[in-house]
Amino acid sequence: MNAHADAGTGAPPAPVFLRALWYFAALSSSLRPGDLRRQMLLGEPVLLGRMRNGEAFALRDVCPHRGVPLSAGRVMVENTVECAYHGWRFRRDGVCALIPSLVEGQDIDPSKIRVRSYPLREQDGLIWIYFPTDERSAAAPRSEPPRVGVPNAKPRWVESQTFHCGIDDAVIGLMDPAHAPYVHGRWWWKKKPRLKQKAYAPLPTGFVMTRHQPSKPAYKLLGGDVTTEITFELPSLRFEKIAGTVLGRHIDVVGFTACTPIDELTTEVTQVFYWPAWLSFLKPFFSILGPIFLADDRKMAELQREGLKFNPSLLLIQDSDVPAMWYHRLKKAWSESLSSGTPFTNPIQPRTLKWRS
């Protein structure tokens, strides 16, 4: 596991994969009617698909008959998934609808057989899957996935890369406020570290860097009055909400980053940006620079993995490592609330952090 003990507490790390939360799974546009796709999520085989009527679904990708992956089958015209081995068919809720080999007089009710179904939501061009605490529970999710918060939200730019590291190291690397001059520095993008000071406040399951004027020159593309706020919420979701004025028109741009664990040593990191259609001139900048900067973070996380193989004691410092400390405390508090059955209490308090980057 790659979770590290919270500095200064000696507390053991929380479980790598948190439950009773929504995880980003895929873009809506990546699934066409009739598609079936096997995805490993949180170490589990998940069948992600779309029925011919357009409804997306997520099932455990294991047929309960002989264990063959259902993703090897096909979507039928009556909106069921047919297993490739014996033709058993399953509805999107996981209930078996047909066992072709049955003959009259055999006392088996297919509707009593089911494969695990995961709650799924499709919104803002994104597909979310909920992983309950009890894998066999049919109870409704405790919450709903986050909304992007812009009118007619449509993904305008997307980049996804596979990080060969655990979820904790991917999340902490991306939220780290002090690494940019060193990890992303190039001859054409160099900047001398300077003092920064940002105010933070708690959210229901995370924290927010409250709205402020950003210092990076790239933000000037969105006008001189641009402001931004950056949020993080469990399990591994980051939103940057940017507001400004371009050509006399107020605009909202939202950047969404999700770290989705494939297994304990692999994490898929996806970045999605939303902006009004008339701001299409932004896309070339993102298409060129976005993959480069995300690859920088990926390479550093994989380089870090080489040192973590030796299980070193890690030293987190004030104030630049405080977001990493908060992340571990949030995970621990969430895990304890699930195991004890008590309401979750956010351990983070409002605070101003200072660092140089």
Protein backbone atom coordinates (compact mmCIF):
# COMPACT_ATOMS: atom_id res chain seq x y z
CA MET A 1 0.00 0.00 0.00
CA ASN A 2 1.12 3.56 -0.70
CA ALA A 3 -0.78 5.37 2.04
CA HIS A 4 1.59 7.02 4.48
CA ALA A 5 1.03 7.69 8.17
CA ASP A 6 -0.01 11.25 9.01
CA ALA A 7 3.13 13.16 10.01
CA GLY A 8 3.34 13.89 13.70
CA THR A 9 0.56 11.47 14.76
CA GLY A 10 2.01 8.01 14.18
CA ALA A 11 -1.51 6.98 13.09
CA PRO A 12 -1.75 4.03 10.70
CA PRO A 13 -2.92 4.85 7.20
CA ALA A 14 -6.56 4.54 6.21
CA PRO A 15 -7.55 1.85 3.69
CA VAL A 16 -6.28 2.57 0.20
CA PHE A 17 -9.75 2.43 -1.39
CA LEU A 18 -12.51 4.36 0.35
CA ARG A 19 -16.09 3.07 0.11
CA ALA A 20 -19.54 4.65 0.14
CA LEU A 21 -18.31 7.21 -2.40
CA TRP A 22 -18.65 7.97 -6.11
CA TYR A 23 -15.73 7.36 -8.47
CA PHE A 24 -15.34 8.79 -11.97
CA ALA A 25 -15.41 5.87 -14.41
CA ALA A 26 -15.60 7.16 -17.98
CA LEU A 27 -16.74 9.84 -20.38
CA SER A 28 -20.31 9.45 -21.60
CA SER A 29 -19.10 9.85 -25.18
CA SER A 30 -16.85 6.79 -24.82
CA LEU A 31 -19.85 4.42 -24.63
CA ARG A 32 -22.07 3.92 -27.63
CA PRO A 33 -25.31 1.90 -27.56
CA GLY A 34 -24.41 -1.78 -27.56
CA ASP A 35 -20.90 -1.25 -26.16
CA LEU A 36 -19.45 -3.49 -23.44
CA ARG A 37 -16.14 -2.69 -21.76
CA ARG A 38 -14.22 -4.38 -18.96
CA GLN A 39 -12.61 -1.96 -16.51
CA MET A 40 -10.67 -2.69 -13.35
CA LEU A 41 -11.83 -0.23 -10.68
CA LEU A 42 -10.67 -0.40 -7.05
CA GLY A 43 -9.22 -3.80 -7.88
CA GLU A 44 -12.61 -5.12 -9.00
CA PRO A 45 -13.63 -6.27 -12.51
CA VAL A 46 -16.41 -3.98 -13.68
CA LEU A 47 -18.46 -4.35 -16.84
CA LEU A 48 -19.30 -0.88 -18.11
CA GLY A 49 -21.80 -0.79 -20.94
CA ARG A 50 -24.72 0.86 -22.64
CA MET A 51 -27.93 -0.89 -23.59
CA ARG A 52 -29.40 -0.37 -27.04
CA ASN A 53 -31.97 2.00 -25.56
CA GLY A 54 -29.12 4.29 -24.43
CA GLU A 55 -29.08 3.42 -20.72
CA ALA A 56 -25.61 3.06 -19.22
CA PHE A 57 -24.97 0.37 -16.58
CA ALA A 58 -22.22 -1.19 -14.47
CA LEU A 59 -22.13 -4.86 -13.42
CA ARG A 60 -19.52 -7.10 -11.86
CA ASP A 61 -17.74 -8.54 -14.88
CA VAL A 62 -18.09 -12.16 -13.78
CA CYS A 63 -20.96 -14.42 -14.84
CA PRO A 64 -22.33 -16.20 -11.72
CA HIS A 65 -22.72 -19.43 -13.73
CA ARG A 66 -19.15 -20.36 -14.72
CA GLY A 67 -17.19 -17.17 -14.03
CA VAL A 68 -16.69 -16.04 -17.64
CA PRO A 69 -16.37 -12.24 -18.03
CA LEU A 70 -19.68 -10.85 -19.22
CA SER A 71 -17.74 -8.28 -21.25
CA ALA A 72 -16.95 -11.13 -23.70
CA GLY A 73 -20.67 -11.31 -24.53
CA ARG A 74 -23.00 -8.93 -26.30
CA VAL A 75 -25.91 -6.56 -25.75
CA MET A 76 -29.20 -8.00 -27.01
CA VAL A 77 -32.04 -6.15 -28.70
CA GLU A 78 -34.27 -6.52 -25.61
CA ASN A 79 -31.62 -4.64 -23.57
CA THR A 80 -29.94 -7.50 -21.75
CA VAL A 81 -26.34 -8.68 -21.63
CA GLU A 82 -25.81 -12.19 -23.00
CA CYS A 83 -22.93 -14.26 -21.59
CA ALA A 84 -20.67 -15.68 -24.30
CA TYR A 85 -20.43 -19.14 -22.66
CA HIS A 86 -24.01 -20.40 -22.22
CA GLY A 87 -26.17 -17.47 -23.28
CA TRP A 88 -27.42 -16.48 -19.83
CA ARG A 89 -28.90 -13.01 -20.05
CA PHE A 90 -28.84 -10.26 -17.44
CA ARG A 91 -30.72 -6.99 -17.14
CA ARG A 92 -28.97 -3.73 -16.27
CA ASP A 93 -29.93 -4.22 -12.61
CA GLY A 94 -28.03 -7.53 -12.61
CA VAL A 95 -31.09 -9.81 -12.47
CA CYS A 96 -30.94 -12.87 -14.70
CA ALA A 97 -33.64 -12.70 -17.39
CA LEU A 98 -33.01 -15.97 -19.24
CA ILE A 99 -31.23 -19.33 -18.94
CA PRO A 100 -31.55 -20.90 -22.43
CA SER A 101 -30.61 -24.42 -21.35
CA LEU A 102 -33.59 -24.79 -18.98
CA VAL A 103 -36.38 -27.14 -20.05
CA GLU A 104 -39.92 -27.49 -18.79
CA GLY A 105 -40.19 -28.92 -15.30
CA GLN A 106 -36.76 -27.79 -14.08
CA ASP A 107 -37.36 -25.85 -10.88
CA ILE A 108 -35.03 -22.88 -11.35
CA ASP A 109 -36.26 -19.30 -11.32
CA PRO A 110 -33.74 -17.15 -13.28
CA SER A 111 -34.97 -13.99 -11.53
CA LYS A 112 -33.56 -15.36 -8.26
CA ILE A 113 -30.06 -15.23 -9.78
CA ARG A 114 -28.21 -11.98 -10.10
CA VAL A 115 -24.81 -10.47 -10.74
CA ARG A 116 -23.71 -7.50 -8.66
CA SER A 117 -24.94 -4.17 -10.04
CA TYR A 118 -23.20 -0.90 -9.19
CA PRO A 119 -25.18 2.34 -8.83
CA LEU A 120 -24.37 4.53 -11.83
CA ARG A 121 -25.05 8.17 -12.67
CA GLU A 122 -24.50 9.91 -15.97
CA GLN A 123 -24.28 13.71 -15.87
CA ASP A 124 -22.23 16.58 -17.30
CA GLY A 125 -20.80 14.20 -19.89
CA LEU A 126 -19.32 11.97 -17.15
CA ILE A 127 -20.14 8.48 -15.88
CA TRP A 128 -19.90 7.88 -12.13
CA ILE A 129 -19.96 4.55 -10.26
CA TYR A 130 -20.74 4.16 -6.56
CA PHE A 131 -18.88 1.59 -4.48
CA PRO A 132 -20.91 0.76 -1.35
CA THR A 133 -19.46 -0.29 1.99
CA ASP A 134 -21.23 -3.64 1.78
CA GLU A 135 -20.58 -5.03 -1.68
CA ARG A 136 -23.83 -7.03 -1.62
CA SER A 137 -26.01 -4.23 -0.29
CA ALA A 138 -28.87 -2.97 -2.45
CA ALA A 139 -29.31 0.17 -0.34
CA ALA A 140 -29.44 3.52 -2.12
CA PRO A 141 -26.20 5.54 -2.25
CA ARG A 142 -25.58 7.84 0.70
CA SER A 143 -24.92 10.80 -1.61
CA GLU A 144 -24.92 11.91 -5.24
CA PRO A 145 -21.86 12.60 -7.43
CA PRO A 146 -20.71 16.23 -7.71
CA ARG A 147 -22.01 18.53 -10.43
CA VAL A 148 -19.73 20.61 -12.61
CA GLY A 149 -21.84 23.67 -11.92
CA VAL A 150 -21.90 25.37 -15.33
CA PRO A 151 -24.90 25.64 -17.69
CA ASN A 152 -25.10 22.99 -20.42
CA ALA A 153 -21.88 21.38 -19.19
CA LYS A 154 -20.08 19.65 -22.06
CA PRO A 155 -16.48 18.40 -21.95
CA ARG A 156 -14.38 20.56 -24.29
CA TRP A 157 -10.95 19.06 -23.63
CA VAL A 158 -9.97 15.72 -22.08
CA GLU A 159 -6.65 14.10 -21.23
CA SER A 160 -6.25 10.77 -19.44
CA GLN A 161 -3.01 9.03 -18.45
CA THR A 162 -2.21 5.90 -16.48
CA PHE A 163 -0.01 6.55 -13.46
CA HIS A 164 1.91 3.48 -12.28
CA CYS A 165 1.55 4.39 -8.63
CA GLY A 166 -1.01 4.05 -5.86
CA ILE A 167 -3.99 6.37 -5.47
CA ASP A 168 -2.50 8.29 -2.52
CA ASP A 169 0.69 9.21 -4.33
CA ALA A 170 -1.22 10.30 -7.43
CA VAL A 171 -3.61 12.50 -5.43
CA ILE A 172 -0.94 14.10 -3.27
CA GLY A 173 1.34 14.75 -6.22
CA LEU A 174 -1.40 16.58 -8.12
CA MET A 175 -2.48 18.70 -5.12
CA ASP A 176 1.08 19.57 -4.09
CA PRO A 177 1.40 23.39 -4.16
CA ALA A 178 5.22 23.64 -4.25
CA HIS A 179 6.37 21.32 -7.06
CA ALA A 180 5.56 23.32 -10.21
CA PRO A 181 8.89 25.18 -10.72
CA TYR A 182 10.80 21.90 -10.48
CA VAL A 183 8.53 19.29 -12.04
CA HIS A 184 7.13 21.48 -14.85
CA GLY A 185 10.06 23.84 -15.41
CA ARG A 186 11.45 24.15 -18.98
CA TRP A 187 13.49 26.62 -20.94
CA TRP A 188 10.25 28.09 -22.28
CA TRP A 189 8.46 27.95 -18.90
CA LYS A 190 10.67 28.93 -16.02
CA LYS A 191 9.71 30.88 -13.01
CA LYS A 192 11.52 31.83 -9.86
CA PRO A 193 9.79 30.55 -6.71
CA ARG A 194 8.10 33.30 -4.76
CA LEU A 195 5.98 33.64 -1.67
CA LYS A 196 2.35 32.58 -1.92
CA GLN A 197 -0.41 32.81 0.66
CA LYS A 198 -3.84 31.18 0.26
CA ALA A 199 -6.85 30.81 2.52
CA TYR A 200 -8.42 27.37 2.93
CA ALA A 201 -11.76 26.27 4.40
CA PRO A 202 -13.47 22.89 4.97
CA LEU A 203 -16.06 21.39 2.62
CA PRO A 204 -18.52 18.54 3.38
CA THR A 205 -15.92 15.90 2.49
CA GLY A 206 -12.84 17.94 1.67
CA PHE A 207 -11.46 21.46 1.54
CA VAL A 208 -11.30 24.51 -0.71
CA MET A 209 -8.66 27.06 -1.58
CA THR A 210 -11.02 30.01 -1.46
CA ARG A 211 -11.56 32.32 -4.44
CA HIS A 212 -8.53 34.47 -5.26
CA GLN A 213 -6.67 36.08 -8.14
CA PRO A 214 -4.24 33.52 -9.63
CA SER A 215 -0.63 34.42 -10.27
CA LYS A 216 0.05 32.24 -13.33
CA PRO A 217 0.28 34.25 -16.59
CA ALA A 218 -1.82 31.67 -18.48
CA TYR A 219 -4.92 32.86 -16.60
CA LYS A 220 -4.65 36.21 -18.36
CA LEU A 221 -6.22 34.53 -21.40
CA LEU A 222 -9.47 34.78 -19.45
CA GLY A 223 -9.22 38.52 -18.75
CA GLY A 224 -7.64 40.83 -16.20
CA ASP A 225 -10.34 40.27 -13.61
CA VAL A 226 -9.95 36.47 -13.50
CA THR A 227 -10.44 34.68 -10.17
CA THR A 228 -10.33 31.02 -9.23
CA GLU A 229 -11.16 28.62 -6.44
CA ILE A 230 -9.85 25.07 -6.13
CA THR A 231 -11.70 22.33 -4.28
CA PHE A 232 -10.78 18.81 -3.25
CA GLU A 233 -13.28 16.24 -2.03
CA LEU A 234 -13.09 12.54 -1.28
CA PRO A 235 -12.37 10.12 -2.71
CA SER A 236 -10.00 11.85 -5.19
CA LEU A 237 -11.78 14.70 -6.96
CA ARG A 238 -10.43 18.18 -7.74
CA PHE A 239 -12.37 21.05 -9.27
CA GLU A 240 -10.93 24.38 -10.34
CA LYS A 241 -13.64 26.97 -10.94
CA ILE A 242 -12.37 29.95 -12.92
CA ALA A 243 -14.33 33.14 -13.60
CA GLY A 244 -13.35 36.09 -15.74
CA THR A 245 -14.39 38.45 -18.51
CA VAL A 246 -13.48 37.93 -22.16
CA LEU A 247 -14.55 40.42 -24.85
CA GLY A 248 -16.88 42.03 -22.34
CA ARG A 249 -18.66 38.75 -21.57
CA HIS A 250 -18.54 36.96 -18.21
CA ILE A 251 -17.31 33.39 -18.53
CA ASP A 252 -16.99 30.36 -16.30
CA VAL A 253 -14.35 27.72 -16.98
CA VAL A 254 -14.22 24.56 -14.88
CA GLY A 255 -11.32 22.14 -14.72
CA PHE A 256 -12.05 18.69 -13.29
CA THR A 257 -9.40 16.16 -12.29
CA ALA A 258 -10.20 12.64 -11.09
CA CYS A 259 -7.80 10.01 -9.80
CA THR A 260 -9.50 6.65 -10.32
CA PRO A 261 -7.76 3.63 -8.78
CA ILE A 262 -7.40 0.66 -11.07
CA ASP A 263 -5.65 -1.40 -8.41
CA GLU A 264 -3.28 -0.73 -5.52
CA LEU A 265 -0.38 0.11 -7.83
CA THR A 266 -2.12 1.75 -10.78
CA THR A 267 -4.22 4.92 -11.03
CA GLU A 268 -5.98 6.50 -14.00
CA VAL A 269 -5.79 10.29 -13.90
CA THR A 270 -8.29 12.16 -16.06
CA GLN A 271 -8.52 15.90 -16.62
CA VAL A 272 -11.62 17.46 -18.19
CA PHE A 273 -12.21 21.13 -18.94
CA TYR A 274 -15.52 22.85 -19.55
CA TRP A 275 -15.98 26.26 -21.19
CA PRO A 276 -18.58 28.03 -23.35
CA ALA A 277 -18.55 26.93 -26.98
CA TRP A 278 -17.50 30.38 -28.20
CA LEU A 279 -14.22 30.03 -26.25
CA SER A 280 -13.02 27.36 -28.69
CA PHE A 281 -9.76 29.26 -29.20
CA LEU A 282 -8.62 27.82 -25.83
CA LYS A 283 -8.50 24.23 -27.06
CA PRO A 284 -5.15 24.41 -28.95
CA PHE A 285 -3.40 25.67 -25.80
CA PHE A 286 -4.81 22.80 -23.73
CA SER A 287 -4.14 20.23 -26.45
CA ILE A 288 -0.46 21.17 -26.60
CA LEU A 289 0.35 21.90 -22.95
CA GLY A 290 -2.12 19.69 -21.07
CA PRO A 291 -0.63 16.28 -21.98
CA ILE A 292 2.90 17.60 -21.33
CA PHE A 293 2.19 18.87 -17.82
CA LEU A 294 0.16 15.80 -16.84
CA ALA A 295 2.97 13.57 -18.11
CA ASP A 296 5.39 15.54 -15.89
CA ASP A 297 3.29 14.62 -12.85
CA ARG A 298 3.02 11.01 -13.99
CA LYS A 299 6.78 10.64 -14.44
CA MET A 300 7.47 12.15 -11.02
CA ALA A 301 4.95 9.84 -9.32
CA GLU A 302 6.60 6.85 -10.99
CA LEU A 303 10.06 8.11 -10.01
CA GLN A 304 8.85 8.46 -6.43
CA ARG A 305 7.69 4.85 -6.55
CA GLU A 306 11.33 3.75 -6.91
CA GLY A 307 12.16 5.24 -3.52
CA LEU A 308 8.96 4.05 -1.85
CA LYS A 309 9.90 0.45 -2.63
CA PHE A 310 12.22 0.68 0.38
CA ASN A 311 9.40 1.79 2.71
CA PRO A 312 11.11 4.97 3.95
CA SER A 313 9.80 7.15 6.76
CA LEU A 314 8.49 10.27 5.02
CA LEU A 315 8.78 13.77 6.44
CA LEU A 316 5.90 16.19 5.81
CA ILE A 317 6.52 19.83 6.63
CA GLN A 318 4.52 23.01 7.26
CA ASP A 319 2.89 24.65 5.28
CA SER A 320 3.39 23.25 1.80
CA ASP A 321 2.64 19.67 2.86
CA VAL A 322 -0.48 20.53 4.87
CA PRO A 323 -2.86 19.59 1.98
CA ALA A 324 -1.24 16.13 1.98
CA MET A 325 -1.75 15.87 5.75
CA TRP A 326 -5.37 16.93 5.34
CA TYR A 327 -5.92 14.27 2.68
CA HIS A 328 -4.72 11.50 5.02
CA ARG A 329 -6.82 12.86 7.89
CA LEU A 330 -9.92 12.99 5.70
CA LYS A 331 -9.41 9.38 4.61
CA LYS A 332 -8.90 8.25 8.20
CA ALA A 333 -11.98 10.14 9.46
CA TRP A 334 -14.13 8.77 6.61
CA SER A 335 -13.00 5.18 7.25
CA GLU A 336 -13.65 5.52 10.98
CA SER A 337 -17.14 6.90 10.38
CA LEU A 338 -18.00 3.90 8.19
CA SER A 339 -16.61 1.33 10.60
CA SER A 340 -18.29 2.91 13.65
CA GLY A 341 -21.56 3.85 11.94
CA THR A 342 -21.25 7.44 13.18
CA PRO A 343 -21.65 10.60 11.05
CA PHE A 344 -18.55 11.82 9.28
CA THR A 345 -16.93 14.87 10.86
CA ASN A 346 -14.49 16.84 8.74
CA PRO A 347 -11.26 17.25 10.77
CA ILE A 348 -10.11 20.31 8.78
CA GLN A 349 -10.40 23.83 10.17
CA PRO A 350 -10.09 27.13 8.24
CA ARG A 351 -6.47 28.11 7.82
CA THR A 352 -4.16 30.31 5.75
CA LEU A 353 -1.14 28.52 4.31
CA LYS A 354 2.11 30.09 3.12
CA TRP A 355 4.77 28.55 0.90
CA ARG A 356 7.24 29.44 -1.83
CA SER A 357 6.76 28.17 -5.37
